[in-house]
Protein backbone atom coordinates (compact mmCIF):
# COMPACT_ATOMS: atom_id res chain seq x y z
CA MET A 1 -22.03 -17.16 -3.73
CA ASP A 2 -24.28 -14.90 -1.66
CA LEU A 3 -21.69 -13.45 0.74
CA ALA A 4 -22.17 -9.70 0.67
CA THR A 5 -19.14 -8.24 2.50
CA LEU A 6 -15.47 -8.96 2.94
CA ARG A 7 -16.16 -9.63 6.63
CA GLU A 8 -18.56 -12.41 5.65
CA PHE A 9 -15.85 -13.90 3.45
CA GLU A 10 -13.45 -13.89 6.39
CA ALA A 11 -15.98 -15.74 8.55
CA GLU A 12 -16.57 -18.32 5.81
CA ALA A 13 -12.84 -18.77 5.28
CA ARG A 14 -12.26 -19.26 8.99
CA ALA A 15 -14.88 -22.00 9.06
CA ARG A 16 -13.21 -23.83 6.17
CA LEU A 17 -9.51 -23.43 6.93
CA ASP A 18 -7.37 -25.49 9.28
CA PRO A 19 -7.23 -23.29 12.42
CA ALA A 20 -3.43 -23.03 12.26
CA HIS A 21 -3.61 -21.94 8.64
CA TYR A 22 -6.29 -19.37 9.40
CA ASP A 23 -4.12 -17.98 12.19
CA TYR A 24 -1.13 -17.81 9.84
CA PHE A 25 -3.10 -15.71 7.37
CA ALA A 26 -4.97 -13.57 9.92
CA GLY A 27 -2.34 -13.11 12.58
CA GLY A 28 0.35 -10.53 13.14
CA ALA A 29 3.34 -9.78 15.30
CA GLY A 30 3.33 -9.35 19.07
CA ASP A 31 0.03 -8.14 20.52
CA GLU A 32 -1.29 -7.45 17.01
CA VAL A 33 -1.73 -3.76 17.80
CA THR A 34 -0.83 -2.83 14.24
CA VAL A 35 -3.14 -5.45 12.74
CA ARG A 36 -6.09 -3.88 14.52
CA ALA A 37 -4.92 -0.31 13.95
CA ASN A 38 -4.76 -0.69 10.17
CA GLU A 39 -8.50 -1.30 9.97
CA ALA A 40 -9.59 0.91 12.86
CA ALA A 41 -7.84 3.96 11.45
CA PHE A 42 -10.08 3.99 8.38
CA GLY A 43 -13.09 4.13 10.68
CA ARG A 44 -11.79 7.32 12.28
CA LEU A 45 -11.79 9.06 8.91
CA GLY A 46 -14.97 10.40 7.37
CA LEU A 47 -15.78 11.25 3.75
CA LEU A 48 -17.23 14.67 2.92
CA PRO A 49 -19.28 14.24 -0.26
CA ARG A 50 -19.89 16.92 -2.85
CA VAL A 51 -23.39 17.34 -4.31
CA LEU A 52 -25.08 18.33 -7.57
CA ARG A 53 -21.99 17.50 -9.60
CA GLY A 54 -23.73 15.93 -12.59
CA VAL A 55 -22.01 12.54 -12.46
CA THR A 56 -22.97 10.48 -15.49
CA LYS A 57 -20.11 8.07 -16.20
CA LEU A 58 -17.61 6.75 -13.68
CA GLN A 59 -13.89 6.38 -14.37
CA THR A 60 -12.02 4.00 -12.07
CA GLY A 61 -9.22 2.74 -14.32
CA ILE A 62 -5.54 3.35 -13.64
CA THR A 63 -2.19 2.80 -15.34
CA LEU A 64 0.77 2.04 -13.10
CA LEU A 65 4.31 1.38 -14.33
CA GLY A 66 3.01 0.21 -17.70
CA SER A 67 0.29 -2.01 -16.24
CA ARG A 68 -3.39 -1.23 -16.60
CA ALA A 69 -6.12 -2.00 -14.10
CA ALA A 70 -9.86 -1.41 -14.22
CA MET A 71 -9.89 -0.22 -10.61
CA PRO A 72 -7.36 1.22 -8.15
CA VAL A 73 -7.28 -2.02 -6.12
CA LEU A 74 -4.35 -4.40 -6.61
CA ILE A 75 -3.78 -7.86 -5.16
CA ALA A 76 -1.04 -7.57 -2.54
CA PRO A 77 1.64 -10.26 -2.30
CA THR A 78 0.70 -13.01 0.15
CA ALA A 79 2.33 -16.39 0.62
CA PHE A 80 1.06 -19.96 0.53
CA HIS A 81 -2.18 -19.69 -1.48
CA ARG A 82 -2.40 -23.46 -1.79
CA LEU A 83 -3.15 -23.62 1.93
CA ALA A 84 -6.43 -21.93 1.01
CA ASP A 85 -7.26 -23.74 -2.24
CA PRO A 86 -5.59 -26.54 -4.22
CA GLU A 87 -5.22 -24.29 -7.28
CA GLY A 88 -3.54 -21.65 -5.14
CA GLU A 89 -1.96 -18.75 -6.99
CA ARG A 90 -3.26 -20.05 -10.32
CA ALA A 91 -6.83 -19.43 -9.18
CA THR A 92 -5.93 -16.02 -7.80
CA ALA A 93 -4.27 -15.01 -11.08
CA ARG A 94 -7.26 -16.10 -13.14
CA ALA A 95 -9.56 -14.07 -10.91
CA ALA A 96 -7.23 -11.06 -11.19
CA ALA A 97 -7.28 -11.33 -14.98
CA ALA A 98 -11.08 -11.53 -15.04
CA ALA A 99 -11.31 -8.50 -12.75
CA GLU A 100 -8.75 -6.66 -14.90
CA THR A 101 -6.45 -5.81 -12.05
CA ILE A 102 -2.81 -6.33 -11.12
CA MET A 103 -1.66 -9.30 -9.06
CA ILE A 104 1.62 -9.04 -7.16
CA VAL A 105 2.88 -12.62 -6.95
CA SER A 106 4.74 -13.47 -3.77
CA MET A 107 8.27 -14.82 -3.88
CA ALA A 108 6.91 -17.33 -1.32
CA ALA A 109 4.13 -18.52 -3.63
CA THR A 110 3.21 -22.19 -3.64
CA VAL A 111 3.01 -22.11 -7.45
CA ALA A 112 6.04 -21.13 -9.54
CA ILE A 113 5.86 -17.75 -11.25
CA GLU A 114 6.05 -19.43 -14.67
CA ASP A 115 3.02 -21.58 -13.86
CA VAL A 116 1.07 -18.63 -12.47
CA ALA A 117 1.68 -16.73 -15.70
CA ALA A 118 0.74 -19.74 -17.83
CA ALA A 119 -2.51 -20.21 -15.90
CA ALA A 120 -3.62 -16.65 -16.65
CA PRO A 121 -1.89 -15.29 -19.76
CA GLU A 122 -4.01 -12.12 -19.71
CA ALA A 123 -3.14 -11.25 -16.11
CA GLU A 124 -1.09 -8.19 -15.26
CA LEU A 125 1.58 -9.63 -12.95
CA TRP A 126 4.22 -8.02 -10.76
CA PHE A 127 6.70 -10.05 -8.68
CA GLN A 128 7.42 -9.51 -4.99
CA LEU A 129 11.02 -10.04 -3.94
CA TYR A 130 13.02 -10.25 -0.75
CA ILE A 131 16.58 -9.42 -1.80
CA GLN A 132 18.63 -12.47 -0.87
CA PRO A 133 22.20 -12.34 0.43
CA ASP A 134 23.13 -14.69 -2.42
CA GLN A 135 23.31 -12.12 -5.22
CA ALA A 136 23.42 -14.77 -7.96
CA PHE A 137 20.22 -16.37 -6.70
CA THR A 138 18.53 -12.97 -6.45
CA GLY A 139 19.50 -12.33 -10.06
CA LYS A 140 18.08 -15.68 -11.09
CA LEU A 141 14.73 -14.86 -9.45
CA VAL A 142 14.62 -11.48 -11.17
CA ARG A 143 15.32 -13.03 -14.56
CA ARG A 144 12.62 -15.66 -14.03
CA ALA A 145 10.08 -13.00 -13.14
CA ALA A 146 10.94 -10.95 -16.21
CA ALA A 147 10.86 -13.99 -18.48
CA ALA A 148 7.41 -14.90 -17.11
CA GLY A 149 6.12 -11.50 -18.16
CA CYS A 150 6.08 -9.65 -14.83
CA LYS A 151 6.07 -5.91 -15.42
CA ALA A 152 7.52 -4.72 -12.11
CA LEU A 153 9.44 -5.89 -9.06
CA VAL A 154 7.96 -5.18 -5.64
CA VAL A 155 10.86 -5.30 -3.21
CA THR A 156 9.84 -5.81 0.41
CA VAL A 157 12.21 -3.76 2.57
CA ASP A 158 10.68 -4.01 6.05
CA SER A 159 11.94 -7.49 6.88
CA PRO A 160 15.54 -7.59 8.13
CA ALA A 161 14.19 -10.33 10.42
CA LEU A 162 10.96 -12.27 10.53
CA GLY A 163 8.27 -10.79 12.77
CA ARG A 164 7.49 -12.66 15.98
CA ARG A 165 4.04 -14.06 15.20
CA GLU A 166 2.78 -15.55 18.41
CA ARG A 167 -0.24 -17.32 16.94
CA ASP A 168 2.16 -19.37 14.80
CA LEU A 169 4.37 -20.08 17.80
CA ARG A 170 1.39 -21.31 19.83
CA ASN A 171 0.18 -23.45 16.93
CA GLY A 172 3.61 -24.84 16.14
CA PHE A 173 3.19 -23.65 12.55
CA HIS A 174 6.71 -23.43 11.12
CA ASP A 175 6.67 -25.19 7.78
CA LEU A 176 4.33 -25.97 4.91
CA PRO A 177 2.80 -29.44 4.67
CA GLY A 178 5.06 -31.90 2.90
CA HIS A 179 3.25 -31.70 -0.45
CA LEU A 180 3.73 -27.93 -0.68
CA CYS A 181 6.74 -25.64 -0.92
CA CYS A 182 7.78 -22.18 -2.06
CA GLU A 183 8.15 -23.11 -5.70
CA ASN A 184 10.04 -19.96 -6.70
CA LEU A 185 12.84 -20.93 -4.33
CA ARG A 186 13.89 -24.12 -6.07
CA ASP A 187 17.54 -24.16 -7.11
CA GLY A 188 16.80 -25.93 -10.36
CA ALA A 189 14.06 -27.77 -12.18
CA ARG A 190 11.15 -29.51 -10.48
CA GLY A 191 12.42 -31.72 -7.70
CA GLY A 192 15.40 -29.48 -7.01
CA ARG A 193 16.37 -28.24 -3.57
CA VAL A 194 14.09 -25.56 -2.13
CA ARG A 195 15.95 -22.72 -0.48
CA PRO A 196 14.62 -20.93 2.60
CA VAL A 197 13.71 -17.27 2.39
CA VAL A 198 16.63 -15.52 4.08
CA MET A 199 15.86 -12.35 6.04
CA ALA A 200 19.12 -10.41 6.03
CA PRO A 201 19.68 -7.54 8.50
CA GLU A 202 22.82 -6.51 6.59
CA LEU A 203 20.79 -5.44 3.54
CA SER A 204 21.19 -1.75 2.72
CA TRP A 205 20.51 0.84 0.03
CA GLU A 206 23.66 -0.44 -1.66
CA HIS A 207 21.96 -3.79 -2.22
CA LEU A 208 19.05 -1.98 -3.84
CA ASP A 209 21.51 -0.24 -6.17
CA ARG A 210 22.91 -3.65 -7.15
CA LEU A 211 19.42 -4.91 -7.85
CA ARG A 212 18.77 -1.85 -9.99
CA ASP A 213 21.82 -2.83 -12.08
CA MET A 214 20.39 -6.34 -12.61
CA THR A 215 17.16 -5.40 -14.31
CA SER A 216 15.32 -2.84 -16.38
CA LEU A 217 12.03 -3.64 -14.60
CA PRO A 218 10.63 -0.79 -12.51
CA ILE A 219 11.17 -1.31 -8.78
CA VAL A 220 8.48 -0.63 -6.18
CA LEU A 221 9.70 -0.40 -2.60
CA LYS A 222 7.17 -2.00 -0.26
CA GLY A 223 7.38 -1.29 3.45
CA ILE A 224 8.15 2.42 3.53
CA THR A 225 6.74 4.10 6.66
CA HIS A 226 9.18 6.98 7.33
CA PRO A 227 9.31 10.12 5.16
CA ALA A 228 13.12 10.13 5.22
CA ASP A 229 13.13 6.65 3.68
CA ALA A 230 10.67 7.80 1.03
CA ARG A 231 13.12 10.52 0.00
CA LEU A 232 16.00 8.03 -0.02
CA ALA A 233 13.92 5.72 -2.19
CA LEU A 234 13.72 8.46 -4.81
CA ASP A 235 17.48 8.98 -4.63
CA HIS A 236 18.00 5.29 -5.30
CA GLY A 237 15.73 5.07 -8.32
CA ALA A 238 12.50 3.62 -6.95
CA ALA A 239 9.73 3.83 -9.55
CA ALA A 240 7.00 3.73 -6.90
CA ILE A 241 6.60 3.40 -3.13
CA MET A 242 4.16 1.25 -1.19
CA VAL A 243 3.31 2.54 2.27
CA SER A 244 3.04 -0.72 4.19
CA ASN A 245 3.61 -2.11 7.67
CA HIS A 246 3.41 -5.67 6.34
CA GLY A 247 -0.16 -6.01 7.54
CA GLY A 248 1.08 -5.81 11.13
CA ARG A 249 3.17 -8.96 10.67
CA GLN A 250 6.62 -7.46 11.26
CA LEU A 251 7.17 -4.74 13.92
CA ASP A 252 4.14 -4.41 16.17
CA THR A 253 2.90 -0.91 17.13
CA VAL A 254 3.90 0.66 13.80
CA PRO A 255 1.07 3.14 13.10
CA ALA A 256 -1.72 2.42 10.64
CA THR A 257 -0.69 2.95 7.04
CA ILE A 258 -3.56 5.34 6.27
CA ASP A 259 -2.27 7.58 9.08
CA LEU A 260 1.26 7.45 7.64
CA LEU A 261 0.20 8.08 4.05
CA PRO A 262 -0.03 11.91 3.99
CA ASP A 263 3.54 12.43 5.23
CA ILE A 264 4.91 9.97 2.67
CA VAL A 265 2.94 11.64 -0.12
CA ALA A 266 4.34 15.01 0.94
CA ALA A 267 7.90 13.65 1.05
CA VAL A 268 7.61 12.20 -2.45
CA GLY A 269 6.08 15.37 -3.87
CA GLY A 270 4.50 13.65 -6.85
CA ALA A 271 7.79 12.31 -8.19
CA VAL A 272 6.55 8.69 -8.21
CA PRO A 273 3.26 6.94 -7.47
CA VAL A 274 2.54 6.13 -3.84
CA LEU A 275 0.58 2.95 -3.12
CA LEU A 276 -0.85 1.72 0.17
CA ASP A 277 -1.73 -1.57 1.76
CA GLY A 278 -3.03 -2.50 5.20
CA GLY A 279 -6.56 -2.62 6.52
CA VAL A 280 -8.54 -1.92 3.34
CA ARG A 281 -11.88 -3.69 3.73
CA ARG A 282 -14.40 -1.38 2.01
CA GLY A 283 -14.72 0.74 -1.09
CA THR A 284 -14.90 3.78 1.19
CA ASP A 285 -11.44 2.83 2.52
CA VAL A 286 -10.15 2.89 -1.05
CA LEU A 287 -11.57 6.38 -1.62
CA LYS A 288 -10.04 7.72 1.60
CA ALA A 289 -6.59 6.47 0.57
CA LEU A 290 -6.91 7.92 -2.93
CA ALA A 291 -8.15 11.26 -1.60
CA LEU A 292 -5.09 11.43 0.68
CA GLY A 293 -2.72 10.90 -2.23
CA ALA A 294 -2.43 7.17 -2.94
CA ALA A 295 -2.43 6.15 -6.60
CA ALA A 296 -3.92 2.77 -5.66
CA VAL A 297 -4.30 0.36 -2.75
CA ALA A 298 -3.49 -3.31 -2.42
CA VAL A 299 -5.46 -5.96 -0.52
CA GLY A 300 -4.01 -9.18 0.84
CA ARG A 301 -6.04 -11.00 3.48
CA PRO A 302 -9.43 -10.39 1.78
CA VAL A 303 -8.14 -12.18 -1.32
CA LEU A 304 -7.12 -15.16 0.80
CA TRP A 305 -10.56 -15.18 2.44
CA GLY A 306 -12.15 -15.29 -1.00
CA LEU A 307 -9.81 -18.05 -2.12
CA ALA A 308 -10.53 -20.17 0.96
CA ALA A 309 -14.28 -19.56 0.74
CA GLY A 310 -14.72 -20.24 -2.95
CA GLY A 311 -11.50 -20.64 -4.92
CA GLU A 312 -11.20 -18.59 -8.09
CA ARG A 313 -14.87 -17.64 -7.92
CA GLY A 314 -14.46 -16.45 -4.34
CA VAL A 315 -11.51 -14.21 -5.24
CA GLY A 316 -13.51 -12.85 -8.14
CA ARG A 317 -16.41 -12.09 -5.85
CA VAL A 318 -14.15 -10.25 -3.38
CA LEU A 319 -12.67 -8.13 -6.16
CA GLY A 320 -16.12 -7.53 -7.63
CA LEU A 321 -17.48 -6.38 -4.28
CA LEU A 322 -14.65 -3.91 -3.85
CA ARG A 323 -15.10 -2.51 -7.34
CA ALA A 324 -18.86 -2.13 -6.84
CA GLU A 325 -18.31 -0.40 -3.50
CA VAL A 326 -15.72 1.96 -5.03
CA GLU A 327 -18.13 2.91 -7.80
CA HIS A 328 -21.03 3.37 -5.38
CA ALA A 329 -18.98 5.52 -3.01
CA LEU A 330 -17.66 7.62 -5.91
CA THR A 331 -21.23 8.31 -7.01
CA LEU A 332 -22.28 9.31 -3.50
CA CYS A 333 -19.22 11.56 -3.19
CA GLY A 334 -20.21 13.38 -6.38
CA CYS A 335 -17.10 12.26 -8.26
CA ALA A 336 -17.09 11.06 -11.85
CA SER A 337 -13.47 9.89 -11.57
CA ILE A 338 -11.13 8.68 -8.88
CA HIS A 339 -8.97 11.64 -9.93
CA ASP A 340 -11.67 14.02 -8.65
CA LEU A 341 -10.94 12.99 -5.06
CA ASP A 342 -8.90 15.39 -2.93
CA PRO A 343 -7.72 15.69 0.69
CA GLY A 344 -10.50 18.15 1.51
CA MET A 345 -13.00 15.32 1.16
CA VAL A 346 -11.52 13.43 4.14
CA ARG A 347 -12.09 14.59 7.70
CA ARG A 348 -10.91 12.99 10.92
CA SER A 349 -14.10 12.22 12.82
CA CYS A 350 -12.67 11.20 16.18
């Protein structure tokens, strides 16, 4: 596969996907201001390299919440992988294992968490969860994730209602094709009723406390954009925070995550790791986020582009490109380790 950039993978995926499915993956809420801002904001930041630092061996590995990764790039939770490739989340998990990174499996996956884990026993898996109003069903999902070997729960907290995604409305895309479903939402064994994902505006910090009582797994709160919420997350036992605006798919005009990151890092004060997703398309983007205080980043759409363009091999190529770009940018910045990056190496250029 001779595609050389993540942008080329997106173009190839667009050519292969059903147009409505491409729009589902690529689109966002409202005017998609936030979708565009996430990527554009990285372009307004410049890297200030150091020189003559004697870099001989690069160190890009991280350990997060008991999971190890060879690079500070995780696979963000995204739904419906079987729209992109028949193997779906199985292929993504195998590519994640080969790349030695962490895959966050979506609650809305089209392959059950047990089958994802079985397809890639070596993979480091976390499980993304929308807390459901039915507490018993939420508990069942948490137990399934733990039994499958997931090492953390990533609780999405920015979705009291589904974002108004106008591409999907224009395309009439409301449901998966009949041969697919959200396999983690079955009530029972194969063939059982599939529940809908319920977005519940009544959810509160109290519900997070109840979830904390259900499990010993570390909880990552995904969707934090306000420093006050970051501080509350610490009060309620979050093990990590992910600065995320849901890829621009929920509330439009939320600022770019890279612009929000420094205030969240300051609010947390090093108490827990801070992760970031949204708009990462280059190794230089990864370095900018790390320099500004992120412990790692997560990528969603680029993984789907790789999956649509080339299945497991395509995902592997996307992850390989990002790792190579991270290593190359580290070398040019005069850093032997990702831990050598600091805020003084990032400058707003416009």
